[in-house]
C-alpha cells in the first residue's frame, strides 16, 4: 500500500514548507528532491569530483563507470532495447531541439509535413517552426475537440503520405490529457512517419515502456521527476540516432579529426554529448530513477490518479471556478476564478501560502482551443496529500476580486 506520509519524510522541502506555512502545487514545473538525490550530488562534490571518460586515473575511471551506469539505469526504467539509445542532454527542451535539428533539418524537404497539435509546449513547436523555415516543410495541426481533448479519428484524418514527422506531448502540460501514443505510433508508422514524443509531463507520472509504445523519440527532464536540474534525456531508436547529426560538436563527440577538417564522430549516444556534462546531475538522476523504481511506477501512477480524482471531485463544489480539463487523468488541474485575472488569483493564493502557477504555461496557441490566454495550474505529485487539496479548495471558496487585487499591491 502506498504510504504518502512515509514518502514525505524523504523530502527535506516538505519540512521547509511546514516552517513557511506553505503548500506546493507546482510539481509540473519542477519537483522536490528526495534526500538520497541530494546526498548523491553532495557525495560527487565531496568524494568523487572528477571529469569523465578522458581521465587516465582511477577517480575518473570510477566516476565514468557510475555515469554510464546511470545511462543503463535509465534504459531499464524505460525498457529500452539498448543503453546506447539513451542520450543525456541538459533538459527536455534541449532533447527536443536535438531531434528537430539533428533529424528534422537533415531529412525533411520542401513539401514534407510536420504534424502536431495546438496544445504543444513551446519547446516542442518552436524548433519545428525553424525547421519549417529552413527546409520548406509545412506544419499542419491535428484538430482537437472544443475542450482540448484528442480524438484518434481526427488524427487519422490528418495523416497522409506527406506527413514525415508527428510530434506531440504524451501529456499536455496545460490540460493534463494523456495522448493514446500506442495508437498514434501504429497509425503514423503505417505512413512511414517518425513519432517524436514530449514526455516531460508523462514520464514522471506514468509507467513508460518505449518498446511497447513504439515511439521513435522520447524527450524528458530529470528535474520534473525528483532529479537535479540541468539534465534531460533523449531516447531514440538506435538506427535513427545513428542517422542523425549532432546539434553540437566538441570534446567527447568525435573519435578523431585532422587539420583538413575531416571529422570522425563517435557512435551514439556519445556523438551527441559534446563537452563536459552535468556529471553530478546525472549521478543524482540515477538515484531519482532508483527511488521511483523502488516505489514502483504503477504505484506512483495509481496514487496520482487517486489524488487527481479527489481534486476534481472537490472542484465541483466551487461555483466561482471554471475548470478547463475536468476529464484529465493526470496530476494537472487547470482553472480560472470567474471574472478575476489569473495572475491576481495566483498572487492571492501565494499570500495564503499556496504555490500554483499562472499564465499561458508556454503553450501560447492553445488559447485558440480553450478560449483563455491565461489560466491557473495546480499540479500534484507523489508527495502531495488530500489535505493540501482541501486547503486550496477552501481558500478558493473565499476568493474575491478585492482580496486578489489587495494581494497584488
Protein backbone atom coordinates (compact mmCIF):
# COMPACT_ATOMS: atom_id res chain seq x y z
CA UNK A 1 0.00 0.00 0.00
CA UNK A 2 1.28 3.46 -0.92
CA UNK A 3 2.16 5.43 2.23
CA UNK A 4 2.36 9.12 1.33
CA UNK A 5 3.29 10.18 4.86
CA UNK A 6 6.30 7.88 4.77
CA UNK A 7 7.23 9.21 1.33
CA UNK A 8 7.01 12.81 2.57
CA UNK A 9 9.68 12.09 5.17
CA UNK A 10 12.15 11.56 2.32
CA UNK A 11 11.83 15.16 1.10
CA UNK A 12 13.57 17.96 3.04
CA UNK A 13 11.49 20.58 1.22
CA UNK A 14 8.35 19.26 2.90
CA UNK A 15 9.76 20.33 6.27
CA UNK A 16 10.77 23.69 4.79
CA UNK A 17 7.18 24.21 3.61
CA UNK A 18 5.86 23.45 7.09
CA UNK A 19 8.15 26.09 8.53
CA UNK A 20 6.99 28.59 5.91
CA UNK A 21 3.31 27.58 6.26
CA UNK A 22 3.10 26.75 2.57
CA UNK A 23 1.79 24.02 0.31
CA UNK A 24 3.37 23.30 -3.07
CA UNK A 25 1.12 22.63 -6.04
CA UNK A 26 3.54 23.30 -8.88
CA UNK A 27 5.32 19.99 -9.47
CA UNK A 28 4.50 20.15 -13.18
CA UNK A 29 7.07 22.97 -13.25
CA UNK A 30 9.64 21.20 -11.09
CA UNK A 31 9.57 18.52 -8.43
CA UNK A 32 11.11 18.29 -4.98
CA UNK A 33 14.16 16.08 -4.48
CA UNK A 34 14.40 13.19 -2.01
CA UNK A 35 17.31 13.18 0.42
CA UNK A 36 19.03 10.33 -1.44
CA UNK A 37 19.32 12.52 -4.56
CA UNK A 38 20.66 15.47 -2.58
CA UNK A 39 23.14 13.18 -0.84
CA UNK A 40 24.40 11.81 -4.15
CA UNK A 41 25.03 15.28 -5.58
CA UNK A 42 26.91 16.25 -2.41
CA UNK A 43 28.84 12.98 -2.50
CA UNK A 44 30.07 13.70 -6.00
CA UNK A 45 31.44 17.10 -4.98
CA UNK A 46 32.99 15.89 -1.74
CA UNK A 47 34.29 12.43 -2.70
CA UNK A 48 34.18 11.90 -6.47
CA UNK A 49 34.85 15.24 -8.16
CA UNK A 50 36.48 14.35 -11.49
CA UNK A 51 35.67 14.67 -15.16
CA UNK A 52 34.51 11.58 -17.02
CA UNK A 53 35.66 9.46 -19.96
CA UNK A 54 39.03 11.11 -20.58
CA UNK A 55 40.95 10.93 -17.31
CA UNK A 56 43.87 8.49 -17.01
CA UNK A 57 43.43 7.87 -13.30
CA UNK A 58 41.26 5.76 -11.01
CA UNK A 59 38.95 8.54 -9.81
CA UNK A 60 37.96 9.42 -13.36
CA UNK A 61 37.50 5.76 -14.29
CA UNK A 62 35.24 5.22 -11.28
CA UNK A 63 33.05 8.27 -11.96
CA UNK A 64 32.89 7.35 -15.67
CA UNK A 65 31.58 3.91 -14.77
CA UNK A 66 29.00 5.44 -12.45
CA UNK A 67 27.91 7.86 -15.17
CA UNK A 68 27.46 5.07 -17.70
CA UNK A 69 25.59 3.00 -15.12
CA UNK A 70 23.16 5.92 -14.89
CA UNK A 71 22.55 5.52 -18.62
CA UNK A 72 21.87 1.82 -18.15
CA UNK A 73 19.52 2.57 -15.25
CA UNK A 74 17.58 4.98 -17.46
CA UNK A 75 17.37 2.38 -20.23
CA UNK A 76 15.98 -0.09 -17.69
CA UNK A 77 13.47 2.48 -16.43
CA UNK A 78 12.15 2.97 -19.98
CA UNK A 79 12.57 -0.66 -21.08
CA UNK A 80 14.78 0.49 -23.95
CA UNK A 81 16.44 -2.23 -26.00
CA UNK A 82 19.93 -0.76 -25.65
CA UNK A 83 21.66 1.60 -23.24
CA UNK A 84 23.12 3.25 -26.36
CA UNK A 85 19.62 4.60 -27.08
CA UNK A 86 19.87 6.96 -24.09
CA UNK A 87 21.39 10.38 -24.80
CA UNK A 88 21.92 12.76 -21.89
CA UNK A 89 21.09 16.41 -22.60
CA UNK A 90 20.59 19.43 -20.37
CA UNK A 91 16.79 19.14 -20.36
CA UNK A 92 13.71 18.17 -22.34
CA UNK A 93 13.94 21.39 -24.38
CA UNK A 94 17.49 20.53 -25.38
CA UNK A 95 16.44 16.99 -26.34
CA UNK A 96 13.52 18.22 -28.45
CA UNK A 97 15.74 20.73 -30.22
CA UNK A 98 18.29 17.99 -30.88
CA UNK A 99 15.66 15.89 -32.66
CA UNK A 100 14.31 18.84 -34.65
CA UNK A 101 17.70 19.96 -35.94
CA UNK A 102 19.57 16.66 -35.92
CA UNK A 103 16.82 14.66 -37.61
CA UNK A 104 14.21 17.06 -38.97
CA UNK A 105 16.52 19.58 -40.54
CA UNK A 106 18.62 16.80 -42.08
CA UNK A 107 15.87 14.66 -43.57
CA UNK A 108 12.87 16.92 -44.25
CA UNK A 109 12.47 18.75 -47.53
CA UNK A 110 10.10 21.21 -49.17
CA UNK A 111 6.54 19.91 -49.20
CA UNK A 112 7.01 17.43 -46.35
CA UNK A 113 4.64 17.81 -43.42
CA UNK A 114 5.30 18.04 -39.69
CA UNK A 115 2.09 17.14 -37.87
CA UNK A 116 1.45 18.47 -34.37
CA UNK A 117 -1.29 19.94 -32.15
CA UNK A 118 -2.16 23.40 -30.85
CA UNK A 119 -1.60 22.19 -27.27
CA UNK A 120 2.19 21.86 -27.53
CA UNK A 121 4.71 23.45 -25.21
CA UNK A 122 6.95 25.99 -26.92
CA UNK A 123 9.88 23.57 -26.71
CA UNK A 124 8.03 21.10 -28.93
CA UNK A 125 6.77 23.52 -31.56
CA UNK A 126 9.22 26.43 -31.90
CA UNK A 127 12.12 24.21 -33.09
CA UNK A 128 9.83 22.79 -35.78
CA UNK A 129 8.90 26.32 -36.85
CA UNK A 130 12.60 26.86 -37.52
CA UNK A 131 12.92 23.51 -39.31
CA UNK A 132 9.96 24.51 -41.48
CA UNK A 133 11.62 27.83 -42.29
CA UNK A 134 14.92 26.21 -43.24
CA UNK A 135 13.67 23.15 -45.13
CA UNK A 136 10.38 24.31 -46.63
CA UNK A 137 8.45 21.60 -44.80
CA UNK A 138 4.95 22.57 -43.69
CA UNK A 139 3.43 22.36 -40.23
CA UNK A 140 -0.12 21.05 -40.00
CA UNK A 141 -2.26 20.58 -36.88
CA UNK A 142 -4.46 17.75 -35.69
CA UNK A 143 -7.90 19.12 -34.85
CA UNK A 144 -8.59 18.95 -31.12
CA UNK A 145 -12.03 18.81 -29.60
CA UNK A 146 -13.52 22.01 -28.19
CA UNK A 147 -12.19 21.15 -24.71
CA UNK A 148 -8.70 20.35 -25.94
CA UNK A 149 -9.09 16.58 -25.82
CA UNK A 150 -7.51 14.43 -28.53
CA UNK A 151 -9.64 12.40 -30.90
CA UNK A 152 -7.98 9.50 -32.68
CA UNK A 153 -10.37 9.85 -35.63
CA UNK A 154 -9.20 13.43 -36.15
CA UNK A 155 -5.63 12.15 -36.15
CA UNK A 156 -6.48 9.55 -38.79
CA UNK A 157 -7.99 12.28 -40.96
CA UNK A 158 -4.90 14.45 -40.53
CA UNK A 159 -2.49 11.70 -41.55
CA UNK A 160 -1.45 11.42 -45.20
CA UNK A 161 1.53 10.32 -47.26
CA UNK A 162 3.19 13.72 -46.96
CA UNK A 163 3.47 13.53 -43.17
CA UNK A 164 7.06 12.68 -42.25
CA UNK A 165 7.11 13.69 -38.56
CA UNK A 166 4.40 13.54 -35.90
CA UNK A 167 5.42 15.49 -32.81
CA UNK A 168 3.27 15.87 -29.71
CA UNK A 169 3.23 15.69 -25.93
CA UNK A 170 2.28 12.42 -24.28
CA UNK A 171 0.61 14.55 -21.58
CA UNK A 172 -0.29 18.19 -22.16
CA UNK A 173 1.40 20.50 -19.66
CA UNK A 174 -1.77 22.64 -19.53
CA UNK A 175 -4.65 20.20 -19.78
CA UNK A 176 -3.09 17.00 -18.50
CA UNK A 177 -4.77 14.77 -21.07
CA UNK A 178 -2.99 11.52 -21.94
CA UNK A 179 -2.46 11.00 -25.65
CA UNK A 180 -3.01 7.44 -26.98
CA UNK A 181 0.61 7.16 -28.05
CA UNK A 182 0.50 3.46 -28.91
CA UNK A 183 -2.37 4.01 -31.36
CA UNK A 184 -0.70 7.13 -32.73
CA UNK A 185 2.61 5.40 -33.42
CA UNK A 186 0.89 2.46 -35.09
CA UNK A 187 -1.00 4.73 -37.48
CA UNK A 188 1.95 7.05 -38.12
CA UNK A 189 4.28 4.17 -38.89
CA UNK A 190 1.82 2.83 -41.46
CA UNK A 191 2.51 6.06 -43.36
CA UNK A 192 6.25 5.88 -42.76
CA UNK A 193 6.25 8.86 -40.38
CA UNK A 194 8.54 9.25 -37.38
CA UNK A 195 6.92 9.95 -33.99
CA UNK A 196 8.54 12.40 -31.57
CA UNK A 197 7.10 12.44 -28.05
CA UNK A 198 7.48 15.19 -25.48
CA UNK A 199 7.44 13.16 -22.27
CA UNK A 200 8.20 15.97 -19.83
CA UNK A 201 4.82 15.58 -18.10
CA UNK A 202 4.29 11.87 -18.68
CA UNK A 203 7.50 10.05 -17.76
CA UNK A 204 7.45 11.31 -14.13
CA UNK A 205 3.90 10.07 -13.62
CA UNK A 206 3.18 7.15 -15.96
CA UNK A 207 4.91 3.82 -16.39
CA UNK A 208 6.66 4.30 -19.74
CA UNK A 209 7.68 1.35 -21.91
CA UNK A 210 9.25 2.71 -25.09
CA UNK A 211 9.21 -0.68 -26.81
CA UNK A 212 5.52 -1.21 -26.15
CA UNK A 213 4.57 2.34 -27.12
CA UNK A 214 6.93 2.15 -30.12
CA UNK A 215 7.71 5.88 -30.23
CA UNK A 216 10.78 6.79 -32.27
CA UNK A 217 12.00 9.56 -29.98
CA UNK A 218 11.10 10.46 -26.38
CA UNK A 219 12.32 13.58 -24.57
CA UNK A 220 12.03 14.39 -20.86
CA UNK A 221 13.71 16.15 -17.93
CA UNK A 222 15.27 14.96 -14.68
CA UNK A 223 14.06 17.88 -12.57
CA UNK A 224 10.37 17.05 -13.04
CA UNK A 225 10.89 13.52 -11.73
CA UNK A 226 12.79 14.04 -8.46
CA UNK A 227 16.21 14.54 -10.07
CA UNK A 228 18.52 17.55 -10.36
CA UNK A 229 18.09 20.39 -12.83
CA UNK A 230 20.31 20.60 -15.88
CA UNK A 231 19.78 17.01 -17.01
CA UNK A 232 17.48 15.69 -19.70
CA UNK A 233 17.12 12.56 -21.77
CA UNK A 234 16.65 11.88 -25.44
CA UNK A 235 15.62 8.29 -26.03
CA UNK A 236 15.82 7.37 -29.69
CA UNK A 237 15.70 4.13 -31.63
CA UNK A 238 19.33 3.35 -32.32
CA UNK A 239 19.04 3.23 -36.09
CA UNK A 240 17.55 6.74 -36.09
CA UNK A 241 20.17 8.12 -33.70
CA UNK A 242 22.82 6.63 -35.94
CA UNK A 243 21.45 8.56 -38.93
CA UNK A 244 21.08 11.86 -37.08
CA UNK A 245 23.54 14.73 -36.94
CA UNK A 246 24.62 16.12 -33.58
CA UNK A 247 23.39 19.56 -32.60
CA UNK A 248 26.77 20.44 -31.07
CA UNK A 249 30.35 19.40 -31.77
CA UNK A 250 33.26 19.36 -29.36
CA UNK A 251 35.28 17.26 -26.99
CA UNK A 252 33.93 13.77 -26.43
CA UNK A 253 31.74 13.66 -29.54
CA UNK A 254 34.45 12.73 -32.03
CA UNK A 255 36.88 9.84 -32.41
CA UNK A 256 39.37 11.99 -34.35
CA UNK A 257 39.71 14.97 -36.66
CA UNK A 258 42.50 16.47 -38.73
CA UNK A 259 43.78 19.81 -39.96
CA UNK A 260 41.82 19.43 -43.21
CA UNK A 261 38.51 19.37 -41.37
CA UNK A 262 37.86 15.65 -41.63
CA UNK A 263 35.86 14.53 -38.59
CA UNK A 264 35.04 11.01 -37.48
CA UNK A 265 32.21 11.12 -34.98
CA UNK A 266 31.70 8.51 -32.30
CA UNK A 267 28.70 6.20 -32.35
CA UNK A 268 25.51 7.09 -30.47
CA UNK A 269 24.99 8.21 -27.79
CA UNK A 270 28.45 9.75 -27.49
CA UNK A 271 28.40 11.77 -30.71
CA UNK A 272 25.56 13.84 -29.20
CA UNK A 273 27.32 14.59 -25.90
CA UNK A 274 29.98 17.17 -26.69
CA UNK A 275 31.78 18.84 -23.81
CA UNK A 276 31.71 18.25 -20.09
CA UNK A 277 28.27 17.08 -18.98
CA UNK A 278 26.42 17.79 -15.76
CA UNK A 279 28.10 14.84 -14.04
CA UNK A 280 26.65 15.40 -10.58
CA UNK A 281 23.21 15.89 -12.11
CA UNK A 282 23.32 12.59 -13.99
CA UNK A 283 24.50 10.75 -10.88
CA UNK A 284 21.70 12.36 -8.88
CA UNK A 285 19.24 11.47 -11.63
CA UNK A 286 20.27 7.84 -11.32
CA UNK A 287 19.28 7.96 -7.64
CA UNK A 288 15.96 9.56 -8.58
CA UNK A 289 15.25 6.77 -11.08
CA UNK A 290 16.13 4.16 -8.46
CA UNK A 291 13.86 5.88 -5.95
CA UNK A 292 10.94 5.82 -8.41
CA UNK A 293 11.58 2.19 -9.31
CA UNK A 294 11.66 1.28 -5.61
CA UNK A 295 8.29 2.97 -5.15
CA UNK A 296 7.04 1.31 -8.34
CA UNK A 297 5.76 3.43 -11.20
CA UNK A 298 2.48 1.51 -11.08
CA UNK A 299 2.05 2.77 -7.50
CA UNK A 300 3.08 6.31 -8.45
CA UNK A 301 0.59 6.32 -11.32
CA UNK A 302 -2.20 4.87 -9.19
CA UNK A 303 -1.69 7.39 -6.39
CA UNK A 304 -1.56 10.22 -8.92
CA UNK A 305 -4.91 9.15 -10.37
CA UNK A 306 -6.38 8.90 -6.87
CA UNK A 307 -5.22 12.42 -5.99
CA UNK A 308 -6.48 13.83 -9.27
CA UNK A 309 -9.91 12.20 -8.92
CA UNK A 310 -10.23 13.61 -5.42
CA UNK A 311 -9.10 17.03 -6.65
CA UNK A 312 -11.70 17.09 -9.44
CA UNK A 313 -14.47 15.92 -7.12
CA UNK A 314 -13.75 18.74 -4.69
CA UNK A 315 -13.55 21.31 -7.51
CA UNK A 316 -17.21 20.55 -8.27
CA UNK A 317 -18.07 22.36 -5.02
CA UNK A 318 -16.88 25.68 -6.46
CA UNK A 319 -19.43 27.63 -8.48
CA UNK A 320 -16.98 30.53 -8.85
CA UNK A 321 -14.38 28.45 -10.70
CA UNK A 322 -14.16 27.23 -14.30
CA UNK A 323 -12.12 24.05 -14.78
CA UNK A 324 -10.70 23.54 -18.28
CA UNK A 325 -9.72 19.87 -18.02
CA UNK A 326 -12.39 18.05 -15.99
CA UNK A 327 -11.72 14.75 -17.77
CA UNK A 328 -7.93 14.67 -17.46
CA UNK A 329 -6.38 11.59 -15.88
CA UNK A 330 -3.11 13.03 -14.60
CA UNK A 331 -1.76 15.42 -11.99
CA UNK A 332 -2.71 18.74 -13.63
CA UNK A 333 -5.81 20.79 -12.80
CA UNK A 334 -6.18 23.96 -14.87
CA UNK A 335 -8.78 26.55 -13.93
CA UNK A 336 -9.74 30.19 -13.57
CA UNK A 337 -11.76 32.02 -10.96
CA UNK A 338 -14.58 33.64 -12.89
CA UNK A 339 -14.11 37.33 -13.68
CA UNK A 340 -10.70 37.56 -11.99
CA UNK A 341 -7.38 37.67 -13.85
CA UNK A 342 -5.34 34.51 -13.33
CA UNK A 343 -2.19 36.24 -12.07
CA UNK A 344 -4.23 38.17 -9.48
CA UNK A 345 -5.68 34.92 -8.17
CA UNK A 346 -2.22 33.36 -8.07
CA UNK A 347 -0.96 36.34 -6.06
CA UNK A 348 -3.76 35.83 -3.54
CA UNK A 349 -3.08 32.10 -3.32
CA UNK A 350 0.57 32.92 -2.69
CA UNK A 351 -0.46 35.26 0.14
CA UNK A 352 -2.43 32.36 1.60
CA UNK A 353 0.58 30.06 1.38
CA UNK A 354 -0.27 28.16 -1.80
CA UNK A 355 2.25 27.84 -4.64
CA UNK A 356 0.49 27.48 -8.01
CA UNK A 357 1.40 28.63 -11.50
CA UNK A 358 -0.47 31.15 -13.64
CA UNK A 359 -0.09 32.30 -17.23
CA UNK A 360 -0.16 30.52 -20.59
CA UNK A 361 2.32 27.84 -19.44
CA UNK A 362 4.43 28.18 -22.62
CA UNK A 363 1.51 26.87 -24.73
CA UNK A 364 0.60 30.16 -26.36
CA UNK A 365 -1.50 28.84 -29.24
CA UNK A 366 -3.72 26.66 -27.03
CA UNK A 367 -5.84 29.75 -26.31
CA UNK A 368 -7.35 29.21 -29.77
CA UNK A 369 -8.83 25.96 -28.44
CA UNK A 370 -9.83 26.65 -24.81
CA UNK A 371 -10.63 30.34 -25.22
CA UNK A 372 -8.44 31.53 -22.35
CA UNK A 373 -4.98 33.03 -22.73
CA UNK A 374 -4.15 32.86 -19.01
CA UNK A 375 -5.05 30.12 -16.56
CA UNK A 376 -4.07 28.85 -13.12
CA UNK A 377 -2.41 25.45 -12.99
CA UNK A 378 -2.31 23.37 -9.83
CA UNK A 379 -0.26 20.19 -10.14
CA UNK A 380 0.35 17.43 -7.63
CA UNK A 381 2.93 14.68 -7.32
CA UNK A 382 3.71 11.64 -5.22
CA UNK A 383 4.35 13.65 -2.03
CA UNK A 384 1.14 15.71 -2.06
CA UNK A 385 -1.85 14.92 0.15
CA UNK A 386 -5.61 15.27 0.03
CA UNK A 387 -5.38 17.70 2.94
CA UNK A 388 -3.35 20.06 0.77
CA UNK A 389 -6.03 19.89 -1.91
CA UNK A 390 -8.65 20.61 0.76
CA UNK A 391 -6.81 23.75 1.79
CA UNK A 392 -6.74 25.03 -1.81
CA UNK A 393 -10.46 24.36 -2.23
CA UNK A 394 -11.40 26.14 0.99
CA UNK A 395 -9.20 29.08 0.01
CA UNK A 396 -10.84 29.33 -3.42
CA UNK A 397 -14.29 29.36 -1.81
CA UNK A 398 -13.45 32.67 -0.18
CA UNK A 399 -11.63 34.35 -3.04
CA UNK A 400 -12.89 37.76 -4.21
CA UNK A 401 -11.67 40.38 -6.65
CA UNK A 402 -10.89 42.74 -3.77
CA UNK A 403 -8.77 40.15 -1.98
CA UNK A 404 -6.87 39.35 -5.16
CA UNK A 405 -6.15 42.97 -6.01
CA UNK A 406 -5.08 43.58 -2.43
CA UNK A 407 -2.65 40.70 -2.62
CA UNK A 408 -1.10 42.13 -5.80
CA UNK A 409 -0.42 45.57 -4.33
